[in-house]
Amino acid sequence: MNWFRQAPGKEREGVAAIDSDGRTSYADSV
């Protein structure tokens, strides 16, 4: 499962992700 975001005039970017085991990943900006 993921969260993405898209700001006006910018490409959609990944924000955070979590897998079935609860492991998480984040964009450096957040």
Full PDB file with SEQRES, HELIX, SHEET, SSBOND, CRYST1, ORIGX, SCALE, CONECT and MASTER records, all heavy atoms in Angstrom:
SEQRES   1 A   30  MET ASN TRP PHE ARG GLN ALA PRO GLY LYS GLU ARG GLU          
SEQRES   2 A   30  GLY VAL ALA ALA ILE ASP SER ASP GLY ARG THR SER TYR          
SEQRES   3 A   30  ALA ASP SER VAL                                              
SHEET    1 AA1 3 ASN A   2  ARG A   5  0                                        
SHEET    2 AA1 3 GLU A  13  ILE A  18 -1                                        
SHEET    3 AA1 3 THR A  24  TYR A  26 -1                                        
CRYST1    1.000    1.000    1.000  90.00  90.00  90.00 P 1           1          
ORIGX1      1.000000  0.000000  0.000000        0.00000                         
ORIGX2      0.000000  1.000000  0.000000        0.00000                         
ORIGX3      0.000000  0.000000  1.000000        0.00000                         
SCALE1      1.000000  0.000000  0.000000        0.00000                         
SCALE2      0.000000  1.000000  0.000000        0.00000                         
SCALE3      0.000000  0.000000  1.000000        0.00000                         
ATOM      1  N   MET A   1       0.844  -1.183   0.000  1.00  0.00           N  
ATOM      2  CA  MET A   1       0.000   0.000   0.000  1.00  0.00           C  
ATOM      3  C   MET A   1       0.885   1.240   0.000  1.00  0.00           C  
ATOM      4  O   MET A   1       1.952   1.249   0.621  1.00  0.00           O  
ATOM      5  CB  MET A   1      -0.918   0.019   1.213  1.00  0.00           C  
ATOM      6  CG  MET A   1      -1.940  -1.109   1.242  1.00  0.00           C  
ATOM      7  SD  MET A   1      -3.150  -0.986  -0.110  1.00  0.00           S  
ATOM      8  CE  MET A   1      -3.999   0.537   0.319  1.00  0.00           C  
ATOM      9  N   ASN A   2       0.426   2.246  -0.700  1.00  0.00           N  
ATOM     10  CA  ASN A   2       1.239   3.448  -0.889  1.00  0.00           C  
ATOM     11  C   ASN A   2       0.425   4.721  -0.735  1.00  0.00           C  
ATOM     12  O   ASN A   2      -0.795   4.729  -0.899  1.00  0.00           O  
ATOM     13  CB  ASN A   2       1.827   3.491  -2.309  1.00  0.00           C  
ATOM     14  CG  ASN A   2       2.563   2.243  -2.711  1.00  0.00           C  
ATOM     15  OD1 ASN A   2       3.783   2.179  -2.582  1.00  0.00           O  
ATOM     16  ND2 ASN A   2       1.839   1.257  -3.212  1.00  0.00           N  
ATOM     17  N   TRP A   3       1.144   5.800  -0.467  1.00  0.00           N  
ATOM     18  CA  TRP A   3       0.627   7.146  -0.622  1.00  0.00           C  
ATOM     19  C   TRP A   3       1.478   7.850  -1.667  1.00  0.00           C  
ATOM     20  O   TRP A   3       2.711   7.806  -1.604  1.00  0.00           O  
ATOM     21  CB  TRP A   3       0.669   7.937   0.679  1.00  0.00           C  
ATOM     22  CG  TRP A   3      -0.363   7.522   1.679  1.00  0.00           C  
ATOM     23  CD1 TRP A   3      -0.183   6.719   2.749  1.00  0.00           C  
ATOM     24  CD2 TRP A   3      -1.743   7.915   1.684  1.00  0.00           C  
ATOM     25  NE1 TRP A   3      -1.358   6.575   3.441  1.00  0.00           N  
ATOM     26  CE2 TRP A   3      -2.331   7.294   2.818  1.00  0.00           C  
ATOM     27  CE3 TRP A   3      -2.532   8.723   0.870  1.00  0.00           C  
ATOM     28  CZ2 TRP A   3      -3.685   7.456   3.136  1.00  0.00           C  
ATOM     29  CZ3 TRP A   3      -3.876   8.878   1.193  1.00  0.00           C  
ATOM     30  CH2 TRP A   3      -4.432   8.250   2.306  1.00  0.00           C  
ATOM     31  N   PHE A   4       0.817   8.474  -2.614  1.00  0.00           N  
ATOM     32  CA  PHE A   4       1.463   9.306  -3.616  1.00  0.00           C  
ATOM     33  C   PHE A   4       0.913  10.709  -3.491  1.00  0.00           C  
ATOM     34  O   PHE A   4      -0.112  10.929  -2.859  1.00  0.00           O  
ATOM     35  CB  PHE A   4       1.189   8.781  -5.031  1.00  0.00           C  
ATOM     36  CG  PHE A   4       1.879   7.490  -5.375  1.00  0.00           C  
ATOM     37  CD1 PHE A   4       1.365   6.276  -4.953  1.00  0.00           C  
ATOM     38  CD2 PHE A   4       3.037   7.497  -6.139  1.00  0.00           C  
ATOM     39  CE1 PHE A   4       1.989   5.085  -5.281  1.00  0.00           C  
ATOM     40  CE2 PHE A   4       3.680   6.307  -6.478  1.00  0.00           C  
ATOM     41  CZ  PHE A   4       3.150   5.097  -6.042  1.00  0.00           C  
ATOM     42  N   ARG A   5       1.567  11.652  -4.126  1.00  0.00           N  
ATOM     43  CA  ARG A   5       1.037  13.002  -4.171  1.00  0.00           C  
ATOM     44  C   ARG A   5       1.430  13.658  -5.485  1.00  0.00           C  
ATOM     45  O   ARG A   5       2.421  13.286  -6.106  1.00  0.00           O  
ATOM     46  CB  ARG A   5       1.519  13.848  -2.989  1.00  0.00           C  
ATOM     47  CG  ARG A   5       3.000  14.178  -2.997  1.00  0.00           C  
ATOM     48  CD  ARG A   5       3.374  14.919  -1.722  1.00  0.00           C  
ATOM     49  NE  ARG A   5       4.783  15.288  -1.700  1.00  0.00           N  
ATOM     50  CZ  ARG A   5       5.398  15.830  -0.652  1.00  0.00           C  
ATOM     51  NH1 ARG A   5       4.712  16.069   0.472  1.00  0.00           N  
ATOM     52  NH2 ARG A   5       6.686  16.131  -0.723  1.00  0.00           N  
ATOM     53  N   GLN A   6       0.636  14.630  -5.886  1.00  0.00           N  
ATOM     54  CA  GLN A   6       0.934  15.379  -7.090  1.00  0.00           C  
ATOM     55  C   GLN A   6       0.570  16.839  -6.870  1.00  0.00           C  
ATOM     56  O   GLN A   6      -0.583  17.167  -6.611  1.00  0.00           O  
ATOM     57  CB  GLN A   6       0.181  14.827  -8.301  1.00  0.00           C  
ATOM     58  CG  GLN A   6       0.575  15.482  -9.608  1.00  0.00           C  
ATOM     59  CD  GLN A   6       0.056  14.731 -10.818  1.00  0.00           C  
ATOM     60  OE1 GLN A   6      -0.949  14.032 -10.739  1.00  0.00           O  
ATOM     61  NE2 GLN A   6       0.749  14.867 -11.936  1.00  0.00           N  
ATOM     62  N   ALA A   7       1.566  17.690  -6.966  1.00  0.00           N  
ATOM     63  CA  ALA A   7       1.370  19.126  -6.839  1.00  0.00           C  
ATOM     64  C   ALA A   7       1.152  19.724  -8.220  1.00  0.00           C  
ATOM     65  O   ALA A   7       1.576  19.150  -9.230  1.00  0.00           O  
ATOM     66  CB  ALA A   7       2.586  19.757  -6.167  1.00  0.00           C  
ATOM     67  N   PRO A   8       0.508  20.885  -8.300  1.00  0.00           N  
ATOM     68  CA  PRO A   8       0.278  21.522  -9.595  1.00  0.00           C  
ATOM     69  C   PRO A   8       1.578  21.733 -10.360  1.00  0.00           C  
ATOM     70  O   PRO A   8       2.553  22.244  -9.810  1.00  0.00           O  
ATOM     71  CB  PRO A   8      -0.361  22.859  -9.212  1.00  0.00           C  
ATOM     72  CG  PRO A   8      -1.034  22.579  -7.911  1.00  0.00           C  
ATOM     73  CD  PRO A   8      -0.099  21.643  -7.199  1.00  0.00           C  
ATOM     74  N   GLY A   9       1.594  21.323 -11.615  1.00  0.00           N  
ATOM     75  CA  GLY A   9       2.766  21.503 -12.451  1.00  0.00           C  
ATOM     76  C   GLY A   9       3.901  20.542 -12.193  1.00  0.00           C  
ATOM     77  O   GLY A   9       4.968  20.687 -12.794  1.00  0.00           O  
ATOM     78  N   LYS A  10       3.698  19.570 -11.326  1.00  0.00           N  
ATOM     79  CA  LYS A  10       4.752  18.614 -11.014  1.00  0.00           C  
ATOM     80  C   LYS A  10       4.310  17.184 -11.297  1.00  0.00           C  
ATOM     81  O   LYS A  10       3.118  16.893 -11.394  1.00  0.00           O  
ATOM     82  CB  LYS A  10       5.170  18.740  -9.549  1.00  0.00           C  
ATOM     83  CG  LYS A  10       5.831  20.057  -9.186  1.00  0.00           C  
ATOM     84  CD  LYS A  10       6.347  20.034  -7.765  1.00  0.00           C  
ATOM     85  CE  LYS A  10       7.076  21.315  -7.417  1.00  0.00           C  
ATOM     86  NZ  LYS A  10       7.617  21.278  -6.032  1.00  0.00           N  
ATOM     87  N   GLU A  11       5.289  16.302 -11.419  1.00  0.00           N  
ATOM     88  CA  GLU A  11       5.014  14.892 -11.625  1.00  0.00           C  
ATOM     89  C   GLU A  11       4.501  14.272 -10.336  1.00  0.00           C  
ATOM     90  O   GLU A  11       4.824  14.719  -9.233  1.00  0.00           O  
ATOM     91  CB  GLU A  11       6.274  14.160 -12.081  1.00  0.00           C  
ATOM     92  CG  GLU A  11       6.824  14.606 -13.421  1.00  0.00           C  
ATOM     93  CD  GLU A  11       6.011  14.097 -14.579  1.00  0.00           C  
ATOM     94  OE1 GLU A  11       5.240  13.140 -14.395  1.00  0.00           O  
ATOM     95  OE2 GLU A  11       6.138  14.655 -15.678  1.00  0.00           O  
ATOM     96  N   ARG A  12       3.710  13.223 -10.477  1.00  0.00           N  
ATOM     97  CA  ARG A  12       3.268  12.477  -9.318  1.00  0.00           C  
ATOM     98  C   ARG A  12       4.465  11.800  -8.673  1.00  0.00           C  
ATOM     99  O   ARG A  12       5.326  11.249  -9.375  1.00  0.00           O  
ATOM    100  CB  ARG A  12       2.233  11.426  -9.736  1.00  0.00           C  
ATOM    101  CG  ARG A  12       1.621  10.652  -8.590  1.00  0.00           C  
ATOM    102  CD  ARG A  12       0.557   9.708  -9.105  1.00  0.00           C  
ATOM    103  NE  ARG A  12       1.127   8.721 -10.008  1.00  0.00           N  
ATOM    104  CZ  ARG A  12       0.402   8.000 -10.857  1.00  0.00           C  
ATOM    105  NH1 ARG A  12      -0.910   8.174 -10.938  1.00  0.00           N  
ATOM    106  NH2 ARG A  12       1.008   7.110 -11.638  1.00  0.00           N  
ATOM    107  N   GLU A  13       4.548  11.834  -7.365  1.00  0.00           N  
ATOM    108  CA  GLU A  13       5.677  11.255  -6.672  1.00  0.00           C  
ATOM    109  C   GLU A  13       5.230  10.367  -5.523  1.00  0.00           C  
ATOM    110  O   GLU A  13       4.204  10.607  -4.888  1.00  0.00           O  
ATOM    111  CB  GLU A  13       6.601  12.346  -6.136  1.00  0.00           C  
ATOM    112  CG  GLU A  13       5.959  13.256  -5.103  1.00  0.00           C  
ATOM    113  CD  GLU A  13       6.926  14.275  -4.527  1.00  0.00           C  
ATOM    114  OE1 GLU A  13       8.146  14.127  -4.705  1.00  0.00           O  
ATOM    115  OE2 GLU A  13       6.444  15.237  -3.884  1.00  0.00           O  
ATOM    116  N   GLY A  14       6.017   9.345  -5.266  1.00  0.00           N  
ATOM    117  CA  GLY A  14       5.751   8.477  -4.141  1.00  0.00           C  
ATOM    118  C   GLY A  14       6.080   9.187  -2.841  1.00  0.00           C  
ATOM    119  O   GLY A  14       7.084   9.898  -2.752  1.00  0.00           O  
ATOM    120  N   VAL A  15       5.251   8.994  -1.842  1.00  0.00           N  
ATOM    121  CA  VAL A  15       5.439   9.609  -0.535  1.00  0.00           C  
ATOM    122  C   VAL A  15       5.855   8.574   0.497  1.00  0.00           C  
ATOM    123  O   VAL A  15       6.821   8.761   1.235  1.00  0.00           O  
ATOM    124  CB  VAL A  15       4.159  10.328  -0.075  1.00  0.00           C  
ATOM    125  CG1 VAL A  15       4.318  10.852   1.346  1.00  0.00           C  
ATOM    126  CG2 VAL A  15       3.813  11.454  -1.031  1.00  0.00           C  
ATOM    127  N   ALA A  16       5.114   7.475   0.562  1.00  0.00           N  
ATOM    128  CA  ALA A  16       5.383   6.443   1.545  1.00  0.00           C  
ATOM    129  C   ALA A  16       4.778   5.126   1.086  1.00  0.00           C  
ATOM    130  O   ALA A  16       3.828   5.105   0.306  1.00  0.00           O  
ATOM    131  CB  ALA A  16       4.818   6.837   2.912  1.00  0.00           C  
ATOM    132  N   ALA A  17       5.319   4.025   1.578  1.00  0.00           N  
ATOM    133  CA  ALA A  17       4.812   2.703   1.242  1.00  0.00           C  
ATOM    134  C   ALA A  17       4.928   1.793   2.449  1.00  0.00           C  
ATOM    135  O   ALA A  17       5.813   1.961   3.292  1.00  0.00           O  
ATOM    136  CB  ALA A  17       5.583   2.115   0.059  1.00  0.00           C  
ATOM    137  N   ILE A  18       4.036   0.820   2.514  1.00  0.00           N  
ATOM    138  CA  ILE A  18       4.078  -0.173   3.580  1.00  0.00           C  
ATOM    139  C   ILE A  18       3.681  -1.521   2.992  1.00  0.00           C  
ATOM    140  O   ILE A  18       2.706  -1.625   2.251  1.00  0.00           O  
ATOM    141  CB  ILE A  18       3.157   0.230   4.760  1.00  0.00           C  
ATOM    142  CG1 ILE A  18       3.288  -0.761   5.912  1.00  0.00           C  
ATOM    143  CG2 ILE A  18       1.707   0.372   4.309  1.00  0.00           C  
ATOM    144  CD1 ILE A  18       2.635  -0.261   7.198  1.00  0.00           C  
ATOM    145  N   ASP A  19       4.453  -2.569   3.290  1.00  0.00           N  
ATOM    146  CA  ASP A  19       4.150  -3.877   2.743  1.00  0.00           C  
ATOM    147  C   ASP A  19       3.338  -4.712   3.722  1.00  0.00           C  
ATOM    148  O   ASP A  19       2.969  -4.261   4.804  1.00  0.00           O  
ATOM    149  CB  ASP A  19       5.426  -4.594   2.276  1.00  0.00           C  
ATOM    150  CG  ASP A  19       6.348  -5.010   3.419  1.00  0.00           C  
ATOM    151  OD1 ASP A  19       5.931  -4.997   4.594  1.00  0.00           O  
ATOM    152  OD2 ASP A  19       7.514  -5.363   3.123  1.00  0.00           O  
ATOM    153  N   SER A  20       3.065  -5.949   3.334  1.00  0.00           N  
ATOM    154  CA  SER A  20       2.205  -6.811   4.140  1.00  0.00           C  
ATOM    155  C   SER A  20       2.813  -7.176   5.490  1.00  0.00           C  
ATOM    156  O   SER A  20       2.081  -7.578   6.395  1.00  0.00           O  
ATOM    157  CB  SER A  20       1.865  -8.086   3.369  1.00  0.00           C  
ATOM    158  OG  SER A  20       3.040  -8.808   3.032  1.00  0.00           O  
ATOM    159  N   ASP A  21       4.119  -7.039   5.624  1.00  0.00           N  
ATOM    160  CA  ASP A  21       4.793  -7.317   6.886  1.00  0.00           C  
ATOM    161  C   ASP A  21       4.970  -6.068   7.742  1.00  0.00           C  
ATOM    162  O   ASP A  21       5.556  -6.142   8.821  1.00  0.00           O  
ATOM    163  CB  ASP A  21       6.153  -7.953   6.634  1.00  0.00           C  
ATOM    164  CG  ASP A  21       6.046  -9.336   6.024  1.00  0.00           C  
ATOM    165  OD1 ASP A  21       5.158 -10.104   6.442  1.00  0.00           O  
ATOM    166  OD2 ASP A  21       6.853  -9.656   5.132  1.00  0.00           O  
ATOM    167  N   GLY A  22       4.489  -4.939   7.253  1.00  0.00           N  
ATOM    168  CA  GLY A  22       4.587  -3.707   8.005  1.00  0.00           C  
ATOM    169  C   GLY A  22       5.854  -2.912   7.781  1.00  0.00           C  
ATOM    170  O   GLY A  22       6.070  -1.899   8.454  1.00  0.00           O  
ATOM    171  N   ARG A  23       6.689  -3.345   6.861  1.00  0.00           N  
ATOM    172  CA  ARG A  23       7.906  -2.593   6.554  1.00  0.00           C  
ATOM    173  C   ARG A  23       7.550  -1.342   5.767  1.00  0.00           C  
ATOM    174  O   ARG A  23       6.709  -1.382   4.878  1.00  0.00           O  
ATOM    175  CB  ARG A  23       8.893  -3.459   5.776  1.00  0.00           C  
ATOM    176  CG  ARG A  23       9.497  -4.585   6.619  1.00  0.00           C  
ATOM    177  CD  ARG A  23      10.561  -5.341   5.835  1.00  0.00           C  
ATOM    178  NE  ARG A  23       9.960  -6.215   4.841  1.00  0.00           N  
ATOM    179  CZ  ARG A  23       9.709  -7.498   5.034  1.00  0.00           C  
ATOM    180  NH1 ARG A  23      10.022  -8.072   6.194  1.00  0.00           N  
ATOM    181  NH2 ARG A  23       9.154  -8.219   4.073  1.00  0.00           N  
ATOM    182  N   THR A  24       8.206  -0.247   6.078  1.00  0.00           N  
ATOM    183  CA  THR A  24       7.859   1.038   5.493  1.00  0.00           C  
ATOM    184  C   THR A  24       9.020   1.677   4.748  1.00  0.00           C  
ATOM    185  O   THR A  24      10.189   1.400   5.030  1.00  0.00           O  
ATOM    186  CB  THR A  24       7.380   2.013   6.575  1.00  0.00           C  
ATOM    187  OG1 THR A  24       8.420   2.205   7.544  1.00  0.00           O  
ATOM    188  CG2 THR A  24       6.147   1.472   7.286  1.00  0.00           C  
ATOM    189  N   SER A  25       8.675   2.538   3.804  1.00  0.00           N  
ATOM    190  CA  SER A  25       9.647   3.328   3.061  1.00  0.00           C  
ATOM    191  C   SER A  25       9.073   4.722   2.879  1.00  0.00           C  
ATOM    192  O   SER A  25       7.854   4.887   2.766  1.00  0.00           O  
ATOM    193  CB  SER A  25       9.944   2.707   1.694  1.00  0.00           C  
ATOM    194  OG  SER A  25      10.550   1.435   1.822  1.00  0.00           O  
ATOM    195  N   TYR A  26       9.950   5.721   2.831  1.00  0.00           N  
ATOM    196  CA  TYR A  26       9.521   7.103   2.706  1.00  0.00           C  
ATOM    197  C   TYR A  26      10.378   7.864   1.721  1.00  0.00           C  
ATOM    198  O   TYR A  26      11.570   7.580   1.560  1.00  0.00           O  
ATOM    199  CB  TYR A  26       9.611   7.826   4.055  1.00  0.00           C  
ATOM    200  CG  TYR A  26       8.725   7.257   5.129  1.00  0.00           C  
ATOM    201  CD1 TYR A  26       9.201   6.275   5.990  1.00  0.00           C  
ATOM    202  CD2 TYR A  26       7.418   7.704   5.285  1.00  0.00           C  
ATOM    203  CE1 TYR A  26       8.392   5.741   6.978  1.00  0.00           C  
ATOM    204  CE2 TYR A  26       6.604   7.178   6.277  1.00  0.00           C  
ATOM    205  CZ  TYR A  26       7.093   6.198   7.124  1.00  0.00           C  
ATOM    206  OH  TYR A  26       6.280   5.683   8.104  1.00  0.00           O  
ATOM    207  N   ALA A  27       9.763   8.849   1.091  1.00  0.00           N  
ATOM    208  CA  ALA A  27      10.530   9.789   0.297  1.00  0.00           C  
ATOM    209  C   ALA A  27      11.403  10.609   1.237  1.00  0.00           C  
ATOM    210  O   ALA A  27      11.006  10.908   2.368  1.00  0.00           O  
ATOM    211  CB  ALA A  27       9.596  10.706  -0.485  1.00  0.00           C  
ATOM    212  N   ASP A  28      12.584  10.977   0.776  1.00  0.00           N  
ATOM    213  CA  ASP A  28      13.497  11.749   1.619  1.00  0.00           C  
ATOM    214  C   ASP A  28      12.862  13.046   2.112  1.00  0.00           C  
ATOM    215  O   ASP A  28      13.134  13.495   3.227  1.00  0.00           O  
ATOM    216  CB  ASP A  28      14.780  12.061   0.857  1.00  0.00           C  
ATOM    217  CG  ASP A  28      15.663  10.847   0.658  1.00  0.00           C  
ATOM    218  OD1 ASP A  28      15.486   9.852   1.384  1.00  0.00           O  
ATOM    219  OD2 ASP A  28      16.539  10.894  -0.227  1.00  0.00           O  
ATOM    220  N   SER A  29      12.013  13.632   1.302  1.00  0.00           N  
ATOM    221  CA  SER A  29      11.418  14.916   1.637  1.00  0.00           C  
ATOM    222  C   SER A  29      10.445  14.863   2.812  1.00  0.00           C  
ATOM    223  O   SER A  29      10.124  15.899   3.395  1.00  0.00           O  
ATOM    224  CB  SER A  29      10.708  15.498   0.416  1.00  0.00           C  
ATOM    225  OG  SER A  29       9.689  14.629  -0.036  1.00  0.00           O  
ATOM    226  N   VAL A  30       9.974  13.660   3.169  1.00  0.00           N  
ATOM    227  CA  VAL A  30       8.999  13.554   4.249  1.00  0.00           C  
ATOM    228  C   VAL A  30       9.494  12.741   5.428  1.00  0.00           C  
ATOM    229  O   VAL A  30       8.785  12.631   6.442  1.00  0.00           O  
ATOM    230  CB  VAL A  30       7.661  12.966   3.750  1.00  0.00           C  
ATOM    231  CG1 VAL A  30       7.140  13.760   2.564  1.00  0.00           C  
ATOM    232  CG2 VAL A  30       7.819  11.490   3.393  1.00  0.00           C  
TER     233      VAL A  30                                                      
MASTER        0    0    0    0    3    0    0    6  232    1    0    3          
END                                                                             
